Amino acid sequence: MSIAEFSSDAVTITRRNLRKIWRVPDILVFTLISPIMFVLLFAFVFGGAIGSQDTGVDYVEFLIPGIFVQTVVFGATFTGYSLAEDIKKGIIDRFRSLPMSPSAVVIGRTVSDIGINVLSLCVMSVTGLIIGWRLRGSFLDAVIGYVVILLFAFAISWIMAFVALLVRSPEVVNNASFIVIFPVTFIANTFVSVGSLPAPLAAVAQWNPVSAVAQAARERFGNLGPGAVTPDVWSLQHPIAYALLWIAVILAVFVPLSVWQYRRAASRTP
């Protein structure tokens, strides 16, 4: 199969997934309500207590980039759930009967979910601007910050795709994903500074890629005030490089694993 044919297959699957979202607006509505809820919940319910710590900047500005990262990581579970649902309903068997590239199905699924993440980031950005968050860097810096977040979300989507192809049950995908995602997103600098965590958790948070992505976003958005404490670990001193390293490793491992597992999952009867 040529590159042009493969690209055409991937684009077709991407369009199919995006059309499915528009035809089931409930999915889109709840996907976009969740980010707003997280922003308002942490800013106004917990902000008074959490925000009292010394982050070097207004807590809303510290919070919003962390919420961005947490939301797109949580959103990656939609990739796994949707893929597992397609397997359960036999749609993957229909794809197998077509003269198309097997890997295009998984790629189309992960690429289409970038669109959902873009919408989520837009909704959260508008909500953040309403409650006082500001982009204080240049336009180019802001674009770089958003791109790093989206690339990380894309990489996590491949992990979720592999999990979905492994367990093949939408319910199990959700349960298994949240067991991992909750500690990964909370033992990080998403909501509090690393320095405020107990020493063992701080050590984990410092090298957690979620912390690096959040740190990179804060730097690019200009949301680190002059009083912010300079990190003393390489991962947070060079957050973009560290985040890109993790993205590259995740994609290098889980893209071929997911394609291989897709072939195995598609060859089994439901």
C-alpha atoms as a PDB file:
ATOM      1  CA  MET A   1       0.000   0.000   0.000  1.00  0.00           C
ATOM      2  CA  SER A   2       1.339   3.425  -0.995  1.00  0.00           C
ATOM      3  CA  ILE A   3       1.749   6.371   1.354  1.00  0.00           C
ATOM      4  CA  ALA A   4      -1.049   8.205  -0.487  1.00  0.00           C
ATOM      5  CA  GLU A   5      -3.460   5.293   0.024  1.00  0.00           C
ATOM      6  CA  PHE A   6      -2.477   4.967   3.675  1.00  0.00           C
ATOM      7  CA  SER A   7      -2.976   8.713   4.234  1.00  0.00           C
ATOM      8  CA  SER A   8      -6.357   8.567   2.509  1.00  0.00           C
ATOM      9  CA  ASP A   9      -7.450   5.709   4.780  1.00  0.00           C
ATOM     10  CA  ALA A  10      -6.327   7.562   7.906  1.00  0.00           C
ATOM     11  CA  VAL A  11      -8.128  10.744   6.820  1.00  0.00           C
ATOM     12  CA  THR A  12     -11.298   8.757   6.109  1.00  0.00           C
ATOM     13  CA  ILE A  13     -11.286   7.192   9.579  1.00  0.00           C
ATOM     14  CA  THR A  14     -10.577  10.572  11.146  1.00  0.00           C
ATOM     15  CA  ARG A  15     -13.554  12.090   9.365  1.00  0.00           C
ATOM     16  CA  ARG A  16     -15.732   9.172  10.404  1.00  0.00           C
ATOM     17  CA  ASN A  17     -14.822   9.651  14.064  1.00  0.00           C
ATOM     18  CA  LEU A  18     -15.421  13.405  13.943  1.00  0.00           C
ATOM     19  CA  ARG A  19     -18.804  12.942  12.244  1.00  0.00           C
ATOM     20  CA  LYS A  20     -19.765  10.466  14.943  1.00  0.00           C
ATOM     21  CA  ILE A  21     -19.169  13.125  17.603  1.00  0.00           C
ATOM     22  CA  TRP A  22     -21.301  15.695  15.808  1.00  0.00           C
ATOM     23  CA  ARG A  23     -24.085  13.144  15.342  1.00  0.00           C
ATOM     24  CA  VAL A  24     -24.056  12.355  19.074  1.00  0.00           C
ATOM     25  CA  PRO A  25     -23.938  15.877  20.547  1.00  0.00           C
ATOM     26  CA  ASP A  26     -24.235  14.537  24.102  1.00  0.00           C
ATOM     27  CA  ILE A  27     -20.623  13.375  23.845  1.00  0.00           C
ATOM     28  CA  LEU A  28     -19.438  16.805  22.775  1.00  0.00           C
ATOM     29  CA  VAL A  29     -21.492  18.652  25.390  1.00  0.00           C
ATOM     30  CA  PHE A  30     -20.254  16.589  28.339  1.00  0.00           C
ATOM     31  CA  THR A  31     -16.703  16.625  26.981  1.00  0.00           C
ATOM     32  CA  LEU A  32     -16.731  20.430  26.990  1.00  0.00           C
ATOM     33  CA  ILE A  33     -18.614  20.855  30.280  1.00  0.00           C
ATOM     34  CA  SER A  34     -16.030  18.832  32.193  1.00  0.00           C
ATOM     35  CA  PRO A  35     -13.145  21.299  31.590  1.00  0.00           C
ATOM     36  CA  ILE A  36     -15.306  24.223  32.689  1.00  0.00           C
ATOM     37  CA  MET A  37     -16.236  22.341  35.849  1.00  0.00           C
ATOM     38  CA  PHE A  38     -12.596  21.616  36.703  1.00  0.00           C
ATOM     39  CA  VAL A  39     -11.557  25.241  36.150  1.00  0.00           C
ATOM     40  CA  LEU A  40     -14.330  26.667  38.306  1.00  0.00           C
ATOM     41  CA  LEU A  41     -14.084  23.962  40.972  1.00  0.00           C
ATOM     42  CA  PHE A  42     -10.382  24.374  41.656  1.00  0.00           C
ATOM     43  CA  ALA A  43     -10.324  28.137  41.170  1.00  0.00           C
ATOM     44  CA  PHE A  44     -13.215  29.001  43.486  1.00  0.00           C
ATOM     45  CA  VAL A  45     -13.837  25.994  45.747  1.00  0.00           C
ATOM     46  CA  PHE A  46     -10.253  24.960  46.500  1.00  0.00           C
ATOM     47  CA  GLY A  47      -8.423  28.100  45.409  1.00  0.00           C
ATOM     48  CA  GLY A  48      -8.750  29.813  48.771  1.00  0.00           C
ATOM     49  CA  ALA A  49      -6.955  26.994  50.574  1.00  0.00           C
ATOM     50  CA  ILE A  50      -4.580  25.763  47.889  1.00  0.00           C
ATOM     51  CA  GLY A  51      -3.841  29.233  46.609  1.00  0.00           C
ATOM     52  CA  SER A  52      -2.411  30.347  49.931  1.00  0.00           C
ATOM     53  CA  GLN A  53       0.860  28.585  49.129  1.00  0.00           C
ATOM     54  CA  ASP A  54       3.775  30.554  47.655  1.00  0.00           C
ATOM     55  CA  THR A  55       3.629  29.923  43.910  1.00  0.00           C
ATOM     56  CA  GLY A  56       5.090  33.304  43.014  1.00  0.00           C
ATOM     57  CA  VAL A  57       2.014  34.259  40.987  1.00  0.00           C
ATOM     58  CA  ASP A  58      -1.752  34.610  41.369  1.00  0.00           C
ATOM     59  CA  TYR A  59      -3.176  31.133  41.886  1.00  0.00           C
ATOM     60  CA  VAL A  60      -5.567  31.325  38.936  1.00  0.00           C
ATOM     61  CA  GLU A  61      -2.623  31.919  36.609  1.00  0.00           C
ATOM     62  CA  PHE A  62      -0.724  29.053  38.224  1.00  0.00           C
ATOM     63  CA  LEU A  63      -3.772  26.797  38.045  1.00  0.00           C
ATOM     64  CA  ILE A  64      -5.015  27.172  34.461  1.00  0.00           C
ATOM     65  CA  PRO A  65      -2.010  25.611  32.661  1.00  0.00           C
ATOM     66  CA  GLY A  66      -2.153  22.683  35.086  1.00  0.00           C
ATOM     67  CA  ILE A  67      -5.873  22.258  34.402  1.00  0.00           C
ATOM     68  CA  PHE A  68      -5.099  22.260  30.684  1.00  0.00           C
ATOM     69  CA  VAL A  69      -2.697  19.370  31.074  1.00  0.00           C
ATOM     70  CA  GLN A  70      -4.922  17.394  33.431  1.00  0.00           C
ATOM     71  CA  THR A  71      -7.951  17.744  31.153  1.00  0.00           C
ATOM     72  CA  VAL A  72      -6.229  16.566  27.979  1.00  0.00           C
ATOM     73  CA  VAL A  73      -4.751  13.597  29.835  1.00  0.00           C
ATOM     74  CA  PHE A  74      -8.201  12.687  31.142  1.00  0.00           C
ATOM     75  CA  GLY A  75      -9.561  13.275  27.646  1.00  0.00           C
ATOM     76  CA  ALA A  76      -7.225  10.608  26.274  1.00  0.00           C
ATOM     77  CA  THR A  77      -9.477   8.016  27.888  1.00  0.00           C
ATOM     78  CA  PHE A  78     -12.032   8.896  25.205  1.00  0.00           C
ATOM     79  CA  THR A  79      -9.645   7.380  22.659  1.00  0.00           C
ATOM     80  CA  GLY A  80      -9.551   4.079  24.511  1.00  0.00           C
ATOM     81  CA  TYR A  81     -13.258   4.019  25.251  1.00  0.00           C
ATOM     82  CA  SER A  82     -14.263   4.749  21.643  1.00  0.00           C
ATOM     83  CA  LEU A  83     -11.879   2.193  20.208  1.00  0.00           C
ATOM     84  CA  ALA A  84     -13.055  -0.488  22.634  1.00  0.00           C
ATOM     85  CA  GLU A  85     -16.656   0.375  21.797  1.00  0.00           C
ATOM     86  CA  ASP A  86     -15.959  -0.063  18.064  1.00  0.00           C
ATOM     87  CA  ILE A  87     -14.481  -3.488  18.767  1.00  0.00           C
ATOM     88  CA  LYS A  88     -17.421  -4.472  20.959  1.00  0.00           C
ATOM     89  CA  LYS A  89     -19.972  -3.399  18.334  1.00  0.00           C
ATOM     90  CA  GLY A  90     -18.178  -5.233  15.532  1.00  0.00           C
ATOM     91  CA  ILE A  91     -17.251  -2.106  13.590  1.00  0.00           C
ATOM     92  CA  ILE A  92     -13.613  -3.189  13.540  1.00  0.00           C
ATOM     93  CA  ASP A  93     -14.700  -6.393  11.791  1.00  0.00           C
ATOM     94  CA  ARG A  94     -16.297  -4.249   9.093  1.00  0.00           C
ATOM     95  CA  PHE A  95     -13.063  -2.317   8.676  1.00  0.00           C
ATOM     96  CA  ARG A  96     -11.218  -5.613   8.246  1.00  0.00           C
ATOM     97  CA  SER A  97     -13.402  -6.468   5.259  1.00  0.00           C
ATOM     98  CA  LEU A  98     -12.347  -3.267   3.484  1.00  0.00           C
ATOM     99  CA  PRO A  99      -9.145  -2.849   1.439  1.00  0.00           C
ATOM    100  CA  MET A 100      -7.555  -0.462   3.904  1.00  0.00           C
ATOM    101  CA  SER A 101      -4.494  -0.243   6.103  1.00  0.00           C
ATOM    102  CA  PRO A 102      -5.044  -1.694   9.603  1.00  0.00           C
ATOM    103  CA  SER A 103      -2.868   0.979  11.218  1.00  0.00           C
ATOM    104  CA  ALA A 104      -5.002   3.715   9.623  1.00  0.00           C
ATOM    105  CA  VAL A 105      -7.858   2.760  11.957  1.00  0.00           C
ATOM    106  CA  VAL A 106      -5.819   3.441  15.104  1.00  0.00           C
ATOM    107  CA  ILE A 107      -4.144   6.531  13.659  1.00  0.00           C
ATOM    108  CA  GLY A 108      -7.504   7.935  12.580  1.00  0.00           C
ATOM    109  CA  ARG A 109      -8.829   7.409  16.100  1.00  0.00           C
ATOM    110  CA  THR A 110      -5.945   9.210  17.837  1.00  0.00           C
ATOM    111  CA  VAL A 111      -5.772  12.054  15.311  1.00  0.00           C
ATOM    112  CA  SER A 112      -9.509  12.748  15.516  1.00  0.00           C
ATOM    113  CA  ASP A 113      -9.221  13.112  19.275  1.00  0.00           C
ATOM    114  CA  ILE A 114      -6.791  15.996  18.777  1.00  0.00           C
ATOM    115  CA  GLY A 115      -9.818  17.918  17.554  1.00  0.00           C
ATOM    116  CA  ILE A 116     -11.643  17.229  20.826  1.00  0.00           C
ATOM    117  CA  ASN A 117      -8.618  18.400  22.798  1.00  0.00           C
ATOM    118  CA  VAL A 118      -8.417  21.594  20.743  1.00  0.00           C
ATOM    119  CA  LEU A 119     -12.064  22.329  21.552  1.00  0.00           C
ATOM    120  CA  SER A 120     -11.466  21.571  25.237  1.00  0.00           C
ATOM    121  CA  LEU A 121      -8.467  23.918  25.340  1.00  0.00           C
ATOM    122  CA  CYS A 122     -10.473  26.668  23.642  1.00  0.00           C
ATOM    123  CA  VAL A 123     -13.317  26.311  26.148  1.00  0.00           C
ATOM    124  CA  MET A 124     -10.930  26.267  29.108  1.00  0.00           C
ATOM    125  CA  SER A 125      -8.986  29.253  27.758  1.00  0.00           C
ATOM    126  CA  VAL A 126     -12.138  31.340  27.451  1.00  0.00           C
ATOM    127  CA  THR A 127     -13.266  30.257  30.928  1.00  0.00           C
ATOM    128  CA  GLY A 128      -9.835  31.084  32.332  1.00  0.00           C
ATOM    129  CA  LEU A 129      -9.814  34.521  30.721  1.00  0.00           C
ATOM    130  CA  ILE A 130     -13.217  35.241  32.256  1.00  0.00           C
ATOM    131  CA  ILE A 131     -12.014  34.439  35.793  1.00  0.00           C
ATOM    132  CA  GLY A 132      -8.748  36.363  35.510  1.00  0.00           C
ATOM    133  CA  TRP A 133      -6.184  34.183  33.750  1.00  0.00           C
ATOM    134  CA  ARG A 134      -4.013  35.934  31.168  1.00  0.00           C
ATOM    135  CA  LEU A 135      -1.526  34.981  28.470  1.00  0.00           C
ATOM    136  CA  ARG A 136       1.456  37.162  29.338  1.00  0.00           C
ATOM    137  CA  GLY A 137       3.959  35.793  26.839  1.00  0.00           C
ATOM    138  CA  SER A 138       4.195  36.417  23.105  1.00  0.00           C
ATOM    139  CA  PHE A 139       1.804  34.903  20.579  1.00  0.00           C
ATOM    140  CA  LEU A 140       4.513  32.465  19.440  1.00  0.00           C
ATOM    141  CA  ASP A 141       5.214  31.418  23.024  1.00  0.00           C
ATOM    142  CA  ALA A 142       1.504  30.760  23.573  1.00  0.00           C
ATOM    143  CA  VAL A 143       1.336  28.635  20.420  1.00  0.00           C
ATOM    144  CA  ILE A 144       4.346  26.611  21.564  1.00  0.00           C
ATOM    145  CA  GLY A 145       2.715  26.055  24.961  1.00  0.00           C
ATOM    146  CA  TYR A 146      -0.501  24.788  23.401  1.00  0.00           C
ATOM    147  CA  VAL A 147       1.367  22.590  20.912  1.00  0.00           C
ATOM    148  CA  VAL A 148       3.375  20.887  23.679  1.00  0.00           C
ATOM    149  CA  ILE A 149       0.132  20.152  25.551  1.00  0.00           C
ATOM    150  CA  LEU A 150      -1.536  18.729  22.430  1.00  0.00           C
ATOM    151  CA  LEU A 151       1.483  16.599  21.534  1.00  0.00           C
ATOM    152  CA  PHE A 152       1.515  15.139  25.032  1.00  0.00           C
ATOM    153  CA  ALA A 153      -2.221  14.418  24.792  1.00  0.00           C
ATOM    154  CA  PHE A 154      -1.634  12.722  21.425  1.00  0.00           C
ATOM    155  CA  ALA A 155       1.041  10.491  22.962  1.00  0.00           C
ATOM    156  CA  ILE A 156      -1.192   9.542  25.910  1.00  0.00           C
ATOM    157  CA  SER A 157      -3.965   8.686  23.429  1.00  0.00           C
ATOM    158  CA  TRP A 158      -1.748   5.947  22.011  1.00  0.00           C
ATOM    159  CA  ILE A 159      -1.340   4.437  25.479  1.00  0.00           C
ATOM    160  CA  MET A 160      -5.117   4.459  25.887  1.00  0.00           C
ATOM    161  CA  ALA A 161      -5.534   2.917  22.432  1.00  0.00           C
ATOM    162  CA  PHE A 162      -3.218   0.072  23.390  1.00  0.00           C
ATOM    163  CA  VAL A 163      -5.131  -0.506  26.640  1.00  0.00           C
ATOM    164  CA  ALA A 164      -8.429  -0.564  24.738  1.00  0.00           C
ATOM    165  CA  LEU A 165      -7.138  -3.078  22.212  1.00  0.00           C
ATOM    166  CA  LEU A 166      -5.784  -5.198  25.049  1.00  0.00           C
ATOM    167  CA  VAL A 167      -8.912  -5.393  27.223  1.00  0.00           C
ATOM    168  CA  ARG A 168     -11.560  -4.702  24.525  1.00  0.00           C
ATOM    169  CA  SER A 169     -14.186  -3.552  27.031  1.00  0.00           C
ATOM    170  CA  PRO A 170     -15.170   0.155  27.258  1.00  0.00           C
ATOM    171  CA  GLU A 171     -16.011  -0.167  30.957  1.00  0.00           C
ATOM    172  CA  VAL A 172     -12.683  -1.791  31.802  1.00  0.00           C
ATOM    173  CA  VAL A 173     -10.835   0.851  29.785  1.00  0.00           C
ATOM    174  CA  ASN A 174     -12.426   3.616  31.839  1.00  0.00           C
ATOM    175  CA  ASN A 175     -11.748   1.917  35.174  1.00  0.00           C
ATOM    176  CA  ALA A 176      -8.172   0.929  34.340  1.00  0.00           C
ATOM    177  CA  SER A 177      -7.361   4.351  32.896  1.00  0.00           C
ATOM    178  CA  PHE A 178      -8.543   6.372  35.875  1.00  0.00           C
ATOM    179  CA  ILE A 179      -6.628   4.177  38.303  1.00  0.00           C
ATOM    180  CA  VAL A 180      -3.436   5.328  36.568  1.00  0.00           C
ATOM    181  CA  ILE A 181      -4.424   8.835  35.473  1.00  0.00           C
ATOM    182  CA  PHE A 182      -5.535  10.111  38.876  1.00  0.00           C
ATOM    183  CA  PRO A 183      -2.184   9.639  40.656  1.00  0.00           C
ATOM    184  CA  VAL A 184      -0.191  10.699  37.587  1.00  0.00           C
ATOM    185  CA  THR A 185      -2.036  14.013  37.280  1.00  0.00           C
ATOM    186  CA  PHE A 186      -2.285  14.754  41.005  1.00  0.00           C
ATOM    187  CA  ILE A 187       1.260  13.784  42.051  1.00  0.00           C
ATOM    188  CA  ALA A 188       2.568  16.630  39.931  1.00  0.00           C
ATOM    189  CA  ASN A 189       2.673  20.404  39.884  1.00  0.00           C
ATOM    190  CA  THR A 190      -0.740  20.643  38.223  1.00  0.00           C
ATOM    191  CA  PHE A 191      -2.492  22.184  41.247  1.00  0.00           C
ATOM    192  CA  VAL A 192       0.276  22.835  43.774  1.00  0.00           C
ATOM    193  CA  SER A 193       3.959  23.625  43.541  1.00  0.00           C
ATOM    194  CA  VAL A 194       6.330  20.676  43.847  1.00  0.00           C
ATOM    195  CA  GLY A 195       7.934  22.278  46.886  1.00  0.00           C
ATOM    196  CA  SER A 196       4.712  22.004  48.875  1.00  0.00           C
ATOM    197  CA  LEU A 197       4.588  18.208  48.554  1.00  0.00           C
ATOM    198  CA  PRO A 198       6.129  15.748  51.046  1.00  0.00           C
ATOM    199  CA  ALA A 199       9.664  14.757  50.060  1.00  0.00           C
ATOM    200  CA  PRO A 200       8.844  11.316  48.553  1.00  0.00           C
ATOM    201  CA  LEU A 201       5.958  12.696  46.498  1.00  0.00           C
ATOM    202  CA  ALA A 202       7.989  15.746  45.503  1.00  0.00           C
ATOM    203  CA  ALA A 203      10.689  13.480  44.079  1.00  0.00           C
ATOM    204  CA  VAL A 204       8.091  11.697  41.964  1.00  0.00           C
ATOM    205  CA  ALA A 205       6.451  14.947  40.895  1.00  0.00           C
ATOM    206  CA  GLN A 206       9.748  16.482  39.812  1.00  0.00           C
ATOM    207  CA  TRP A 207      10.283  13.756  37.199  1.00  0.00           C
ATOM    208  CA  ASN A 208       6.648  13.249  36.334  1.00  0.00           C
ATOM    209  CA  PRO A 209       6.190  14.227  32.640  1.00  0.00           C
ATOM    210  CA  VAL A 210       2.868  15.847  33.555  1.00  0.00           C
ATOM    211  CA  SER A 211       4.836  18.311  35.718  1.00  0.00           C
ATOM    212  CA  ALA A 212       7.163  19.075  32.826  1.00  0.00           C
ATOM    213  CA  VAL A 213       4.286  19.771  30.435  1.00  0.00           C
ATOM    214  CA  ALA A 214       2.569  22.014  32.991  1.00  0.00           C
ATOM    215  CA  GLN A 215       5.852  23.808  33.707  1.00  0.00           C
ATOM    216  CA  ALA A 216       6.478  24.305  29.988  1.00  0.00           C
ATOM    217  CA  ALA A 217       2.979  25.727  29.531  1.00  0.00           C
ATOM    218  CA  ARG A 218       3.390  28.131  32.459  1.00  0.00           C
ATOM    219  CA  GLU A 219       6.712  29.355  31.108  1.00  0.00           C
ATOM    220  CA  ARG A 220       5.364  29.902  27.608  1.00  0.00           C
ATOM    221  CA  PHE A 221       2.129  31.494  28.802  1.00  0.00           C
ATOM    222  CA  GLY A 222       4.064  33.838  31.097  1.00  0.00           C
ATOM    223  CA  ASN A 223       2.316  32.442  34.167  1.00  0.00           C
ATOM    224  CA  LEU A 224       5.424  32.197  36.336  1.00  0.00           C
ATOM    225  CA  GLY A 225       5.793  35.366  38.372  1.00  0.00           C
ATOM    226  CA  PRO A 226       9.094  36.921  39.484  1.00  0.00           C
ATOM    227  CA  GLY A 227       8.668  35.311  42.893  1.00  0.00           C
ATOM    228  CA  ALA A 228       8.455  31.777  41.537  1.00  0.00           C
ATOM    229  CA  VAL A 229      11.041  29.364  42.924  1.00  0.00           C
ATOM    230  CA  THR A 230      13.470  28.127  40.266  1.00  0.00           C
ATOM    231  CA  PRO A 231      13.326  24.305  40.050  1.00  0.00           C
ATOM    232  CA  ASP A 232      16.534  22.553  41.044  1.00  0.00           C
ATOM    233  CA  VAL A 233      16.044  19.495  38.821  1.00  0.00           C
ATOM    234  CA  TRP A 234      16.848  19.180  35.116  1.00  0.00           C
ATOM    235  CA  SER A 235      13.352  17.984  34.213  1.00  0.00           C
ATOM    236  CA  LEU A 236      11.757  21.239  35.360  1.00  0.00           C
ATOM    237  CA  GLN A 237      14.638  23.484  34.350  1.00  0.00           C
ATOM    238  CA  HIS A 238      14.255  22.221  30.762  1.00  0.00           C
ATOM    239  CA  PRO A 239      10.564  21.242  30.716  1.00  0.00           C
ATOM    240  CA  ILE A 240      10.027  21.373  26.947  1.00  0.00           C
ATOM    241  CA  ALA A 241      13.008  19.145  26.221  1.00  0.00           C
ATOM    242  CA  TYR A 242      11.954  16.696  28.938  1.00  0.00           C
ATOM    243  CA  ALA A 243       8.335  16.674  27.766  1.00  0.00           C
ATOM    244  CA  LEU A 244       9.357  16.104  24.134  1.00  0.00           C
ATOM    245  CA  LEU A 245      11.626  13.279  25.238  1.00  0.00           C
ATOM    246  CA  TRP A 246       8.702  11.551  26.961  1.00  0.00           C
ATOM    247  CA  ILE A 247       6.449  12.154  23.961  1.00  0.00           C
ATOM    248  CA  ALA A 248       9.001  10.603  21.626  1.00  0.00           C
ATOM    249  CA  VAL A 249       9.496   7.565  23.885  1.00  0.00           C
ATOM    250  CA  ILE A 250       5.758   6.990  24.335  1.00  0.00           C
ATOM    251  CA  LEU A 251       5.098   7.204  20.593  1.00  0.00           C
ATOM    252  CA  ALA A 252       8.081   5.001  19.754  1.00  0.00           C
ATOM    253  CA  VAL A 253       6.795   2.308  22.113  1.00  0.00           C
ATOM    254  CA  PHE A 254       3.014   2.486  21.847  1.00  0.00           C
ATOM    255  CA  VAL A 255       2.464   3.258  18.156  1.00  0.00           C
ATOM    256  CA  PRO A 256       3.923  -0.080  16.985  1.00  0.00           C
ATOM    257  CA  LEU A 257       2.454  -1.884  20.003  1.00  0.00           C
ATOM    258  CA  SER A 258      -1.024  -0.515  19.274  1.00  0.00           C
ATOM    259  CA  VAL A 259      -0.842  -1.383  15.573  1.00  0.00           C
ATOM    260  CA  TRP A 260       0.353  -4.894  16.436  1.00  0.00           C
ATOM    261  CA  GLN A 261      -2.362  -5.321  19.064  1.00  0.00           C
ATOM    262  CA  TYR A 262      -4.969  -4.010  16.625  1.00  0.00           C
ATOM    263  CA  ARG A 263      -4.090  -6.748  14.180  1.00  0.00           C
ATOM    264  CA  ARG A 264      -4.451  -9.341  16.954  1.00  0.00           C
ATOM    265  CA  ALA A 265      -7.686  -7.848  18.324  1.00  0.00           C
ATOM    266  CA  ALA A 266      -9.219  -7.590  14.854  1.00  0.00           C
ATOM    267  CA  SER A 267      -8.383 -11.198  14.102  1.00  0.00           C
ATOM    268  CA  ARG A 268     -10.273 -12.475  17.158  1.00  0.00           C
ATOM    269  CA  THR A 269     -13.968 -12.993  17.255  1.00  0.00           C
ATOM    270  CA  PRO A 270     -15.866 -10.793  19.753  1.00  0.00           C
END
